[in-house]
C-alpha atoms as a PDB file:
ATOM      1  CA  UNK A   1     -47.954 -64.124 -14.274  1.00  0.00           C
ATOM      2  CA  UNK A   2     -47.876 -64.089 -17.985  1.00  0.00           C
ATOM      3  CA  UNK A   3     -45.169 -62.859 -20.328  1.00  0.00           C
ATOM      4  CA  UNK A   4     -47.278 -59.911 -21.242  1.00  0.00           C
ATOM      5  CA  UNK A   5     -47.959 -59.030 -17.612  1.00  0.00           C
ATOM      6  CA  UNK A   6     -44.273 -59.312 -16.865  1.00  0.00           C
ATOM      7  CA  UNK A   7     -43.436 -57.038 -19.793  1.00  0.00           C
ATOM      8  CA  UNK A   8     -45.940 -54.488 -18.632  1.00  0.00           C
ATOM      9  CA  UNK A   9     -44.585 -54.596 -15.168  1.00  0.00           C
ATOM     10  CA  UNK A  10     -40.999 -54.126 -16.361  1.00  0.00           C
ATOM     11  CA  UNK A  11     -41.998 -51.135 -18.587  1.00  0.00           C
ATOM     12  CA  UNK A  12     -43.873 -49.416 -15.747  1.00  0.00           C
ATOM     13  CA  UNK A  13     -40.872 -49.884 -13.463  1.00  0.00           C
ATOM     14  CA  UNK A  14     -38.396 -48.902 -16.126  1.00  0.00           C
ATOM     15  CA  UNK A  15     -40.572 -45.701 -16.968  1.00  0.00           C
ATOM     16  CA  UNK A  16     -40.662 -44.805 -13.209  1.00  0.00           C
ATOM     17  CA  UNK A  17     -37.050 -45.092 -12.759  1.00  0.00           C
ATOM     18  CA  UNK A  18     -36.170 -43.119 -15.916  1.00  0.00           C
ATOM     19  CA  UNK A  19     -38.613 -40.367 -14.914  1.00  0.00           C
ATOM     20  CA  UNK A  20     -37.009 -40.196 -11.474  1.00  0.00           C
ATOM     21  CA  UNK A  21     -33.514 -39.964 -12.905  1.00  0.00           C
ATOM     22  CA  UNK A  22     -34.678 -37.307 -15.449  1.00  0.00           C
ATOM     23  CA  UNK A  23     -36.391 -35.374 -12.577  1.00  0.00           C
ATOM     24  CA  UNK A  24     -33.147 -35.663 -10.521  1.00  0.00           C
ATOM     25  CA  UNK A  25     -30.956 -34.615 -13.462  1.00  0.00           C
ATOM     26  CA  UNK A  26     -33.203 -31.656 -14.199  1.00  0.00           C
ATOM     27  CA  UNK A  27     -32.921 -30.513 -10.634  1.00  0.00           C
ATOM     28  CA  UNK A  28     -29.042 -30.683 -10.754  1.00  0.00           C
ATOM     29  CA  UNK A  29     -28.994 -28.836 -14.111  1.00  0.00           C
ATOM     30  CA  UNK A  30     -31.556 -26.198 -12.761  1.00  0.00           C
ATOM     31  CA  UNK A  31     -29.268 -25.646  -9.679  1.00  0.00           C
ATOM     32  CA  UNK A  32     -26.142 -25.456 -11.883  1.00  0.00           C
ATOM     33  CA  UNK A  33     -27.643 -22.882 -14.177  1.00  0.00           C
ATOM     34  CA  UNK A  34     -28.908 -20.863 -11.196  1.00  0.00           C
ATOM     35  CA  UNK A  35     -25.378 -20.817  -9.663  1.00  0.00           C
ATOM     36  CA  UNK A  36     -23.822 -19.809 -13.127  1.00  0.00           C
ATOM     37  CA  UNK A  37     -26.337 -16.903 -13.568  1.00  0.00           C
ATOM     38  CA  UNK A  38     -25.739 -15.708  -9.873  1.00  0.00           C
ATOM     39  CA  UNK A  39     -21.906 -15.922 -10.420  1.00  0.00           C
ATOM     40  CA  UNK A  40     -22.124 -14.006 -13.776  1.00  0.00           C
ATOM     41  CA  UNK A  41     -24.414 -11.318 -12.187  1.00  0.00           C
ATOM     42  CA  UNK A  42     -21.950 -10.892  -9.327  1.00  0.00           C
ATOM     43  CA  UNK A  43     -19.032 -10.629 -11.590  1.00  0.00           C
ATOM     44  CA  UNK A  44     -20.757  -8.015 -13.779  1.00  0.00           C
ATOM     45  CA  UNK A  45     -21.517  -6.036 -10.530  1.00  0.00           C
ATOM     46  CA  UNK A  46     -18.001  -6.217  -9.287  1.00  0.00           C
ATOM     47  CA  UNK A  47     -16.741  -5.232 -12.747  1.00  0.00           C
ATOM     48  CA  UNK A  48     -19.134  -2.278 -12.592  1.00  0.00           C
ATOM     49  CA  UNK A  49     -17.843  -1.230  -9.153  1.00  0.00           C
ATOM     50  CA  UNK A  50     -14.141  -1.655  -9.895  1.00  0.00           C
ATOM     51  CA  UNK A  51     -14.174  -0.067 -13.344  1.00  0.00           C
ATOM     52  CA  UNK A  52     -11.833   2.905 -13.747  1.00  0.00           C
ATOM     53  CA  UNK A  53     -13.551   6.126 -13.806  1.00  0.00           C
ATOM     54  CA  UNK A  54     -12.810   8.219 -17.057  1.00  0.00           C
ATOM     55  CA  UNK A  55     -10.864  10.775 -15.051  1.00  0.00           C
ATOM     56  CA  UNK A  56      -8.399   8.034 -13.996  1.00  0.00           C
ATOM     57  CA  UNK A  57      -7.416   7.188 -17.496  1.00  0.00           C
ATOM     58  CA  UNK A  58      -5.041   9.168 -19.856  1.00  0.00           C
ATOM     59  CA  UNK A  59      -6.660  12.460 -20.787  1.00  0.00           C
ATOM     60  CA  UNK A  60      -6.099  14.776 -23.720  1.00  0.00           C
ATOM     61  CA  UNK A  61      -2.310  14.833 -24.361  1.00  0.00           C
ATOM     62  CA  UNK A  62      -2.327  18.566 -25.060  1.00  0.00           C
ATOM     63  CA  UNK A  63      -4.188  19.416 -21.863  1.00  0.00           C
ATOM     64  CA  UNK A  64      -2.044  16.978 -19.878  1.00  0.00           C
ATOM     65  CA  UNK A  65       1.153  18.690 -21.251  1.00  0.00           C
ATOM     66  CA  UNK A  66      -0.200  21.987 -20.304  1.00  0.00           C
ATOM     67  CA  UNK A  67      -1.107  20.926 -16.799  1.00  0.00           C
ATOM     68  CA  UNK A  68       2.338  19.305 -16.314  1.00  0.00           C
ATOM     69  CA  UNK A  69       4.069  22.533 -17.458  1.00  0.00           C
ATOM     70  CA  UNK A  70       2.010  24.620 -15.073  1.00  0.00           C
ATOM     71  CA  UNK A  71       2.681  22.178 -12.199  1.00  0.00           C
ATOM     72  CA  UNK A  72       6.402  22.216 -12.934  1.00  0.00           C
ATOM     73  CA  UNK A  73       6.673  25.964 -13.165  1.00  0.00           C
ATOM     74  CA  UNK A  74       4.786  26.198  -9.641  1.00  0.00           C
ATOM     75  CA  UNK A  75       7.110  23.636  -8.224  1.00  0.00           C
ATOM     76  CA  UNK A  76      10.182  25.479  -9.592  1.00  0.00           C
ATOM     77  CA  UNK A  77       8.934  28.834  -8.102  1.00  0.00           C
ATOM     78  CA  UNK A  78       8.183  27.216  -4.736  1.00  0.00           C
ATOM     79  CA  UNK A  79      11.617  25.538  -4.599  1.00  0.00           C
ATOM     80  CA  UNK A  80      13.259  28.922  -5.471  1.00  0.00           C
ATOM     81  CA  UNK A  81      11.281  30.742  -2.772  1.00  0.00           C
ATOM     82  CA  UNK A  82      12.175  28.035  -0.171  1.00  0.00           C
ATOM     83  CA  UNK A  83      15.898  28.236  -1.240  1.00  0.00           C
ATOM     84  CA  UNK A  84      15.789  32.111  -0.696  1.00  0.00           C
ATOM     85  CA  UNK A  85      14.132  31.806   2.643  1.00  0.00           C
ATOM     86  CA  UNK A  86      16.603  29.149   3.850  1.00  0.00           C
ATOM     87  CA  UNK A  87      19.672  31.121   2.579  1.00  0.00           C
ATOM     88  CA  UNK A  88      19.163  34.268   4.551  1.00  0.00           C
ATOM     89  CA  UNK A  89      20.065  34.444   8.226  1.00  0.00           C
ATOM     90  CA  UNK A  90      17.454  34.570  10.917  1.00  0.00           C
ATOM     91  CA  UNK A  91      17.505  37.686  13.091  1.00  0.00           C
ATOM     92  CA  UNK A  92      18.673  36.803  16.575  1.00  0.00           C
ATOM     93  CA  UNK A  93      19.958  33.456  15.292  1.00  0.00           C
ATOM     94  CA  UNK A  94      23.028  31.732  16.761  1.00  0.00           C
ATOM     95  CA  UNK A  95      24.457  30.870  13.249  1.00  0.00           C
ATOM     96  CA  UNK A  96      27.195  33.525  13.373  1.00  0.00           C
ATOM     97  CA  UNK A  97      28.220  32.893  16.969  1.00  0.00           C
ATOM     98  CA  UNK A  98      28.384  29.116  16.295  1.00  0.00           C
ATOM     99  CA  UNK A  99      30.527  29.603  13.105  1.00  0.00           C
ATOM    100  CA  UNK A 100      32.919  31.788  15.073  1.00  0.00           C
ATOM    101  CA  UNK A 101      33.252  29.262  17.900  1.00  0.00           C
ATOM    102  CA  UNK A 102      34.059  26.270  15.733  1.00  0.00           C
ATOM    103  CA  UNK A 103      37.341  24.835  16.457  1.00  0.00           C
ATOM    104  CA  UNK A 104      38.891  22.042  18.637  1.00  0.00           C
ATOM    105  CA  UNK A 105      36.852  21.697  21.834  1.00  0.00           C
ATOM    106  CA  UNK A 106      35.058  24.910  20.966  1.00  0.00           C
ATOM    107  CA  UNK A 107      31.699  23.419  21.662  1.00  0.00           C
ATOM    108  CA  UNK A 108      32.551  22.713  25.261  1.00  0.00           C
ATOM    109  CA  UNK A 109      32.786  18.979  25.170  1.00  0.00           C
ATOM    110  CA  UNK A 110      35.567  16.413  24.397  1.00  0.00           C
ATOM    111  CA  UNK A 111      35.309  12.869  23.117  1.00  0.00           C
ATOM    112  CA  UNK A 112      36.548  10.234  25.473  1.00  0.00           C
ATOM    113  CA  UNK A 113      39.749   8.629  24.413  1.00  0.00           C
ATOM    114  CA  UNK A 114      40.676  11.588  22.138  1.00  0.00           C
ATOM    115  CA  UNK A 115      44.135  12.678  22.059  1.00  0.00           C
ATOM    116  CA  UNK A 116      43.159  16.408  21.868  1.00  0.00           C
END
């Protein structure tokens, strides 16, 4: 084998090895790019799904204050009505009888060990 034949053989093998390495590197880069694009698309989709709806954010301050005032007025009216309903005695209730019977041992039981 002459020097020229040897040099040509070396160049052919070198070219083949470089082409194989470039092909493998291109495949790895192609896979990495595809993974990145899929991940970015997935993140965009999740961001879209998890985005806050406009109604969840702060609204118009004037409308919000008006809504809160109405809510507070209704709550105060409800609390007042409940207070009135709870303060009047129930017909046929035992409240008056129980209040009259309160005293030592008036309920019909004693506590063990009590000096009473």
